[in-house]
Amino acid sequence: EEAKGRDSGRVPTMAIVSAMGGMTDLLINVVDNALVDMDAAEEALEKAIERQLSTLKELAPPEITDPIEANIRRDGQDILNVVRSLRLIRTVPSVNIELVTGF
């Protein structure tokens, strides 16, 4: 309604997005666990994924959330691949923390 009478009728929109509270800590926990216990890392990642999916499903119907859920689960597999490599080198370069927490 507000856009009526403006040039193209479109109103520029911008969204500023930040991680849900505690999500960065959950992902750092995945990295920390990977150095000592891969099973614990996988459990921590699953907890983070389930938290995201729970929130997602509260916001939209399955026809919208199903493809997003598939993307989140693929990202989870990518995160596991990254943290497995960290276990092999037994260290966590800061760039890897940024990579994992940026998913």
N, C-alpha and C. Protein backbone atom coordinates (compact mmCIF):
# COMPACT_ATOMS: atom_id res chain seq x y z
N GLU A 1 0.83 -1.18 0.00
CA GLU A 1 0.00 0.00 0.00
C GLU A 1 0.88 1.25 0.00
N GLU A 2 1.92 1.21 0.82
CA GLU A 2 2.82 2.35 0.93
C GLU A 2 3.52 2.66 -0.40
N ALA A 3 3.75 1.63 -1.21
CA ALA A 3 4.50 1.80 -2.45
C ALA A 3 3.69 2.43 -3.58
N LYS A 4 2.39 2.49 -3.47
CA LYS A 4 1.56 3.05 -4.53
C LYS A 4 1.98 4.49 -4.82
N GLY A 5 2.08 4.79 -6.09
CA GLY A 5 2.44 6.13 -6.49
C GLY A 5 3.93 6.36 -6.60
N ARG A 6 4.73 5.42 -6.21
CA ARG A 6 6.18 5.53 -6.37
C ARG A 6 6.54 5.00 -7.75
N ASP A 7 7.71 5.33 -8.19
CA ASP A 7 8.16 4.97 -9.54
C ASP A 7 7.66 3.61 -10.00
N SER A 8 8.33 2.57 -9.61
CA SER A 8 7.97 1.23 -10.07
C SER A 8 7.05 0.52 -9.10
N GLY A 9 6.74 1.17 -8.00
CA GLY A 9 5.91 0.52 -7.00
C GLY A 9 6.69 -0.38 -6.07
N ARG A 10 7.98 -0.48 -6.30
CA ARG A 10 8.80 -1.33 -5.45
C ARG A 10 9.45 -0.51 -4.35
N VAL A 11 9.52 -1.11 -3.20
CA VAL A 11 10.19 -0.47 -2.07
C VAL A 11 11.45 -1.26 -1.79
N PRO A 12 12.62 -0.59 -1.83
CA PRO A 12 13.86 -1.33 -1.52
C PRO A 12 13.79 -1.96 -0.14
N THR A 13 14.25 -3.18 -0.05
CA THR A 13 14.20 -3.90 1.22
C THR A 13 15.58 -4.46 1.53
N MET A 14 15.94 -4.41 2.80
CA MET A 14 17.20 -4.97 3.23
C MET A 14 16.93 -5.76 4.51
N ALA A 15 17.55 -6.92 4.61
CA ALA A 15 17.45 -7.71 5.82
C ALA A 15 18.84 -7.85 6.43
N ILE A 16 18.91 -7.66 7.72
CA ILE A 16 20.16 -7.86 8.44
C ILE A 16 19.98 -9.13 9.26
N VAL A 17 20.87 -10.09 9.02
CA VAL A 17 20.70 -11.39 9.63
C VAL A 17 21.89 -11.70 10.53
N SER A 18 21.58 -12.26 11.68
CA SER A 18 22.61 -12.68 12.61
C SER A 18 22.25 -14.09 13.08
N ALA A 19 23.23 -14.80 13.57
CA ALA A 19 22.97 -16.15 14.08
C ALA A 19 22.01 -16.08 15.25
N MET A 20 21.20 -17.13 15.39
CA MET A 20 20.32 -17.23 16.56
C MET A 20 21.19 -17.27 17.80
N GLY A 21 20.66 -16.75 18.89
CA GLY A 21 21.40 -16.75 20.14
C GLY A 21 21.93 -18.12 20.50
N GLY A 22 23.22 -18.19 20.75
CA GLY A 22 23.85 -19.44 21.16
C GLY A 22 24.31 -20.33 20.02
N MET A 23 23.92 -20.02 18.78
CA MET A 23 24.27 -20.89 17.65
C MET A 23 25.78 -20.90 17.40
N THR A 24 26.41 -19.77 17.47
CA THR A 24 27.87 -19.72 17.26
C THR A 24 28.57 -20.58 18.30
N ASP A 25 28.13 -20.50 19.56
CA ASP A 25 28.73 -21.33 20.61
C ASP A 25 28.53 -22.82 20.33
N LEU A 26 27.34 -23.19 19.82
CA LEU A 26 27.09 -24.59 19.49
C LEU A 26 28.05 -25.07 18.40
N LEU A 27 28.28 -24.23 17.41
CA LEU A 27 29.17 -24.62 16.31
C LEU A 27 30.63 -24.66 16.75
N ILE A 28 31.02 -23.77 17.63
CA ILE A 28 32.38 -23.83 18.18
C ILE A 28 32.55 -25.11 18.99
N ASN A 29 31.50 -25.50 19.69
CA ASN A 29 31.52 -26.75 20.45
C ASN A 29 31.74 -27.95 19.53
N VAL A 30 31.16 -27.90 18.33
CA VAL A 30 31.38 -28.97 17.35
C VAL A 30 32.87 -29.08 17.04
N VAL A 31 33.49 -27.95 16.78
CA VAL A 31 34.93 -27.93 16.45
C VAL A 31 35.76 -28.44 17.63
N ASP A 32 35.48 -27.91 18.82
CA ASP A 32 36.24 -28.33 20.00
C ASP A 32 36.12 -29.83 20.24
N ASN A 33 34.91 -30.36 20.12
CA ASN A 33 34.70 -31.79 20.33
C ASN A 33 35.41 -32.63 19.30
N ALA A 34 35.47 -32.14 18.07
CA ALA A 34 36.09 -32.92 16.99
C ALA A 34 37.54 -33.26 17.28
N LEU A 35 38.21 -32.41 18.03
CA LEU A 35 39.62 -32.67 18.33
C LEU A 35 39.81 -33.83 19.30
N VAL A 36 38.77 -34.14 20.08
CA VAL A 36 38.92 -35.21 21.08
C VAL A 36 37.95 -36.37 20.92
N ASP A 37 36.77 -36.10 20.34
CA ASP A 37 35.74 -37.15 20.25
C ASP A 37 34.79 -36.83 19.10
N MET A 38 34.98 -37.52 17.98
CA MET A 38 34.18 -37.25 16.79
C MET A 38 32.70 -37.53 17.01
N ASP A 39 32.39 -38.55 17.81
CA ASP A 39 30.97 -38.84 18.11
C ASP A 39 30.32 -37.65 18.83
N ALA A 40 31.04 -37.07 19.77
CA ALA A 40 30.53 -35.90 20.49
C ALA A 40 30.36 -34.72 19.55
N ALA A 41 31.28 -34.58 18.60
CA ALA A 41 31.17 -33.50 17.61
C ALA A 41 29.92 -33.68 16.76
N GLU A 42 29.66 -34.91 16.33
CA GLU A 42 28.47 -35.18 15.53
C GLU A 42 27.19 -34.92 16.33
N GLU A 43 27.19 -35.29 17.61
CA GLU A 43 26.03 -35.02 18.47
C GLU A 43 25.81 -33.52 18.64
N ALA A 44 26.88 -32.78 18.84
CA ALA A 44 26.77 -31.32 19.00
C ALA A 44 26.25 -30.69 17.71
N LEU A 45 26.72 -31.18 16.57
CA LEU A 45 26.24 -30.64 15.29
C LEU A 45 24.77 -30.97 15.10
N GLU A 46 24.36 -32.17 15.43
CA GLU A 46 22.95 -32.55 15.29
C GLU A 46 22.07 -31.67 16.18
N LYS A 47 22.55 -31.34 17.36
CA LYS A 47 21.81 -30.45 18.25
C LYS A 47 21.64 -29.07 17.60
N ALA A 48 22.69 -28.56 16.99
CA ALA A 48 22.62 -27.26 16.32
C ALA A 48 21.66 -27.32 15.13
N ILE A 49 21.74 -28.39 14.35
CA ILE A 49 20.86 -28.55 13.19
C ILE A 49 19.41 -28.64 13.64
N GLU A 50 19.14 -29.45 14.64
CA GLU A 50 17.76 -29.63 15.10
C GLU A 50 17.19 -28.32 15.65
N ARG A 51 18.03 -27.54 16.28
CA ARG A 51 17.57 -26.23 16.78
C ARG A 51 17.17 -25.33 15.63
N GLN A 52 17.98 -25.31 14.57
CA GLN A 52 17.64 -24.51 13.40
C GLN A 52 16.36 -25.00 12.75
N LEU A 53 16.23 -26.30 12.61
CA LEU A 53 15.06 -26.86 11.95
C LEU A 53 13.79 -26.64 12.76
N SER A 54 13.90 -26.73 14.06
CA SER A 54 12.75 -26.49 14.92
C SER A 54 12.24 -25.06 14.74
N THR A 55 13.15 -24.12 14.72
CA THR A 55 12.77 -22.72 14.53
C THR A 55 12.18 -22.52 13.13
N LEU A 56 12.81 -23.10 12.14
CA LEU A 56 12.34 -22.98 10.77
C LEU A 56 10.90 -23.48 10.63
N LYS A 57 10.62 -24.64 11.22
CA LYS A 57 9.30 -25.25 11.09
C LYS A 57 8.21 -24.49 11.84
N GLU A 58 8.62 -23.66 12.79
CA GLU A 58 7.66 -22.80 13.47
C GLU A 58 7.26 -21.62 12.59
N LEU A 59 8.11 -21.29 11.62
CA LEU A 59 7.90 -20.08 10.83
C LEU A 59 7.20 -20.29 9.50
N ALA A 60 7.25 -21.51 8.95
CA ALA A 60 6.72 -21.70 7.61
C ALA A 60 6.23 -23.13 7.42
N PRO A 61 5.38 -23.35 6.41
CA PRO A 61 4.86 -24.70 6.12
C PRO A 61 5.90 -25.56 5.40
N PRO A 62 5.67 -26.88 5.38
CA PRO A 62 6.63 -27.82 4.79
C PRO A 62 7.01 -27.51 3.34
N GLU A 63 6.08 -27.02 2.54
CA GLU A 63 6.42 -26.76 1.14
C GLU A 63 7.50 -25.69 1.01
N ILE A 64 7.63 -24.87 2.02
CA ILE A 64 8.69 -23.88 2.05
C ILE A 64 9.92 -24.41 2.79
N THR A 65 9.69 -25.10 3.90
CA THR A 65 10.81 -25.52 4.75
C THR A 65 11.57 -26.75 4.25
N ASP A 66 10.91 -27.62 3.50
CA ASP A 66 11.58 -28.86 3.08
C ASP A 66 12.86 -28.61 2.29
N PRO A 67 12.85 -27.73 1.26
CA PRO A 67 14.11 -27.49 0.55
C PRO A 67 15.16 -26.81 1.43
N ILE A 68 14.72 -25.97 2.35
CA ILE A 68 15.67 -25.31 3.25
C ILE A 68 16.28 -26.33 4.20
N GLU A 69 15.45 -27.24 4.69
CA GLU A 69 15.96 -28.30 5.57
C GLU A 69 17.01 -29.13 4.84
N ALA A 70 16.76 -29.45 3.58
CA ALA A 70 17.74 -30.22 2.81
C ALA A 70 19.06 -29.47 2.72
N ASN A 71 19.00 -28.16 2.52
CA ASN A 71 20.23 -27.34 2.46
C ASN A 71 20.96 -27.34 3.79
N ILE A 72 20.21 -27.21 4.88
CA ILE A 72 20.81 -27.21 6.21
C ILE A 72 21.51 -28.54 6.47
N ARG A 73 20.87 -29.62 6.10
CA ARG A 73 21.47 -30.95 6.32
C ARG A 73 22.72 -31.14 5.44
N ARG A 74 22.70 -30.61 4.22
CA ARG A 74 23.91 -30.67 3.37
C ARG A 74 25.03 -29.85 4.00
N ASP A 75 24.69 -28.68 4.52
CA ASP A 75 25.69 -27.85 5.21
C ASP A 75 26.27 -28.62 6.39
N GLY A 76 25.42 -29.36 7.09
CA GLY A 76 25.89 -30.15 8.23
C GLY A 76 26.93 -31.17 7.80
N GLN A 77 26.71 -31.82 6.66
CA GLN A 77 27.69 -32.77 6.16
C GLN A 77 29.00 -32.07 5.80
N ASP A 78 28.89 -30.88 5.22
CA ASP A 78 30.10 -30.10 4.91
C ASP A 78 30.86 -29.74 6.18
N ILE A 79 30.13 -29.36 7.22
CA ILE A 79 30.77 -29.03 8.49
C ILE A 79 31.50 -30.25 9.04
N LEU A 80 30.86 -31.41 8.99
CA LEU A 80 31.51 -32.63 9.47
C LEU A 80 32.79 -32.92 8.69
N ASN A 81 32.77 -32.70 7.40
CA ASN A 81 33.98 -32.92 6.61
C ASN A 81 35.10 -31.97 7.04
N VAL A 82 34.75 -30.73 7.32
CA VAL A 82 35.76 -29.76 7.78
C VAL A 82 36.33 -30.19 9.12
N VAL A 83 35.46 -30.54 10.07
CA VAL A 83 35.98 -30.87 11.41
C VAL A 83 36.72 -32.20 11.43
N ARG A 84 36.38 -33.10 10.54
CA ARG A 84 37.16 -34.34 10.43
C ARG A 84 38.60 -34.02 10.02
N SER A 85 38.74 -33.07 9.11
CA SER A 85 40.09 -32.70 8.69
C SER A 85 40.87 -32.05 9.84
N LEU A 86 40.17 -31.30 10.70
CA LEU A 86 40.83 -30.69 11.85
C LEU A 86 41.34 -31.76 12.81
N ARG A 87 40.58 -32.81 12.93
CA ARG A 87 41.01 -33.91 13.81
C ARG A 87 42.31 -34.52 13.29
N LEU A 88 42.42 -34.60 11.98
CA LEU A 88 43.64 -35.18 11.39
C LEU A 88 44.86 -34.31 11.63
N ILE A 89 44.69 -32.99 11.54
CA ILE A 89 45.85 -32.11 11.73
C ILE A 89 46.03 -31.69 13.19
N ARG A 90 45.06 -32.04 14.04
CA ARG A 90 45.12 -31.82 15.50
C ARG A 90 45.30 -30.36 15.91
N THR A 91 44.74 -29.49 15.11
CA THR A 91 44.77 -28.07 15.44
C THR A 91 43.59 -27.39 14.74
N VAL A 92 43.29 -26.19 15.18
CA VAL A 92 42.17 -25.45 14.60
C VAL A 92 42.64 -24.07 14.17
N PRO A 93 43.01 -23.91 12.92
CA PRO A 93 43.34 -22.58 12.43
C PRO A 93 42.13 -21.66 12.54
N SER A 94 42.34 -20.40 12.83
CA SER A 94 41.22 -19.47 13.04
C SER A 94 40.32 -19.38 11.82
N VAL A 95 40.86 -19.55 10.65
CA VAL A 95 40.05 -19.49 9.44
C VAL A 95 39.01 -20.62 9.43
N ASN A 96 39.35 -21.76 10.04
CA ASN A 96 38.39 -22.86 10.10
C ASN A 96 37.25 -22.58 11.06
N ILE A 97 37.55 -21.91 12.17
CA ILE A 97 36.48 -21.50 13.09
C ILE A 97 35.51 -20.57 12.37
N GLU A 98 36.06 -19.62 11.63
CA GLU A 98 35.22 -18.68 10.89
C GLU A 98 34.38 -19.42 9.84
N LEU A 99 34.97 -20.40 9.20
CA LEU A 99 34.25 -21.17 8.20
C LEU A 99 33.08 -21.92 8.82
N VAL A 100 33.33 -22.63 9.90
CA VAL A 100 32.28 -23.43 10.54
C VAL A 100 31.19 -22.55 11.13
N THR A 101 31.56 -21.49 11.82
CA THR A 101 30.54 -20.63 12.44
C THR A 101 29.80 -19.79 11.40
N GLY A 102 30.33 -19.70 10.19
CA GLY A 102 29.66 -18.95 9.14
C GLY A 102 28.60 -19.74 8.39
N PHE A 103 28.50 -21.03 8.64
CA PHE A 103 27.48 -21.83 7.96
C PHE A 103 26.10 -21.42 8.39
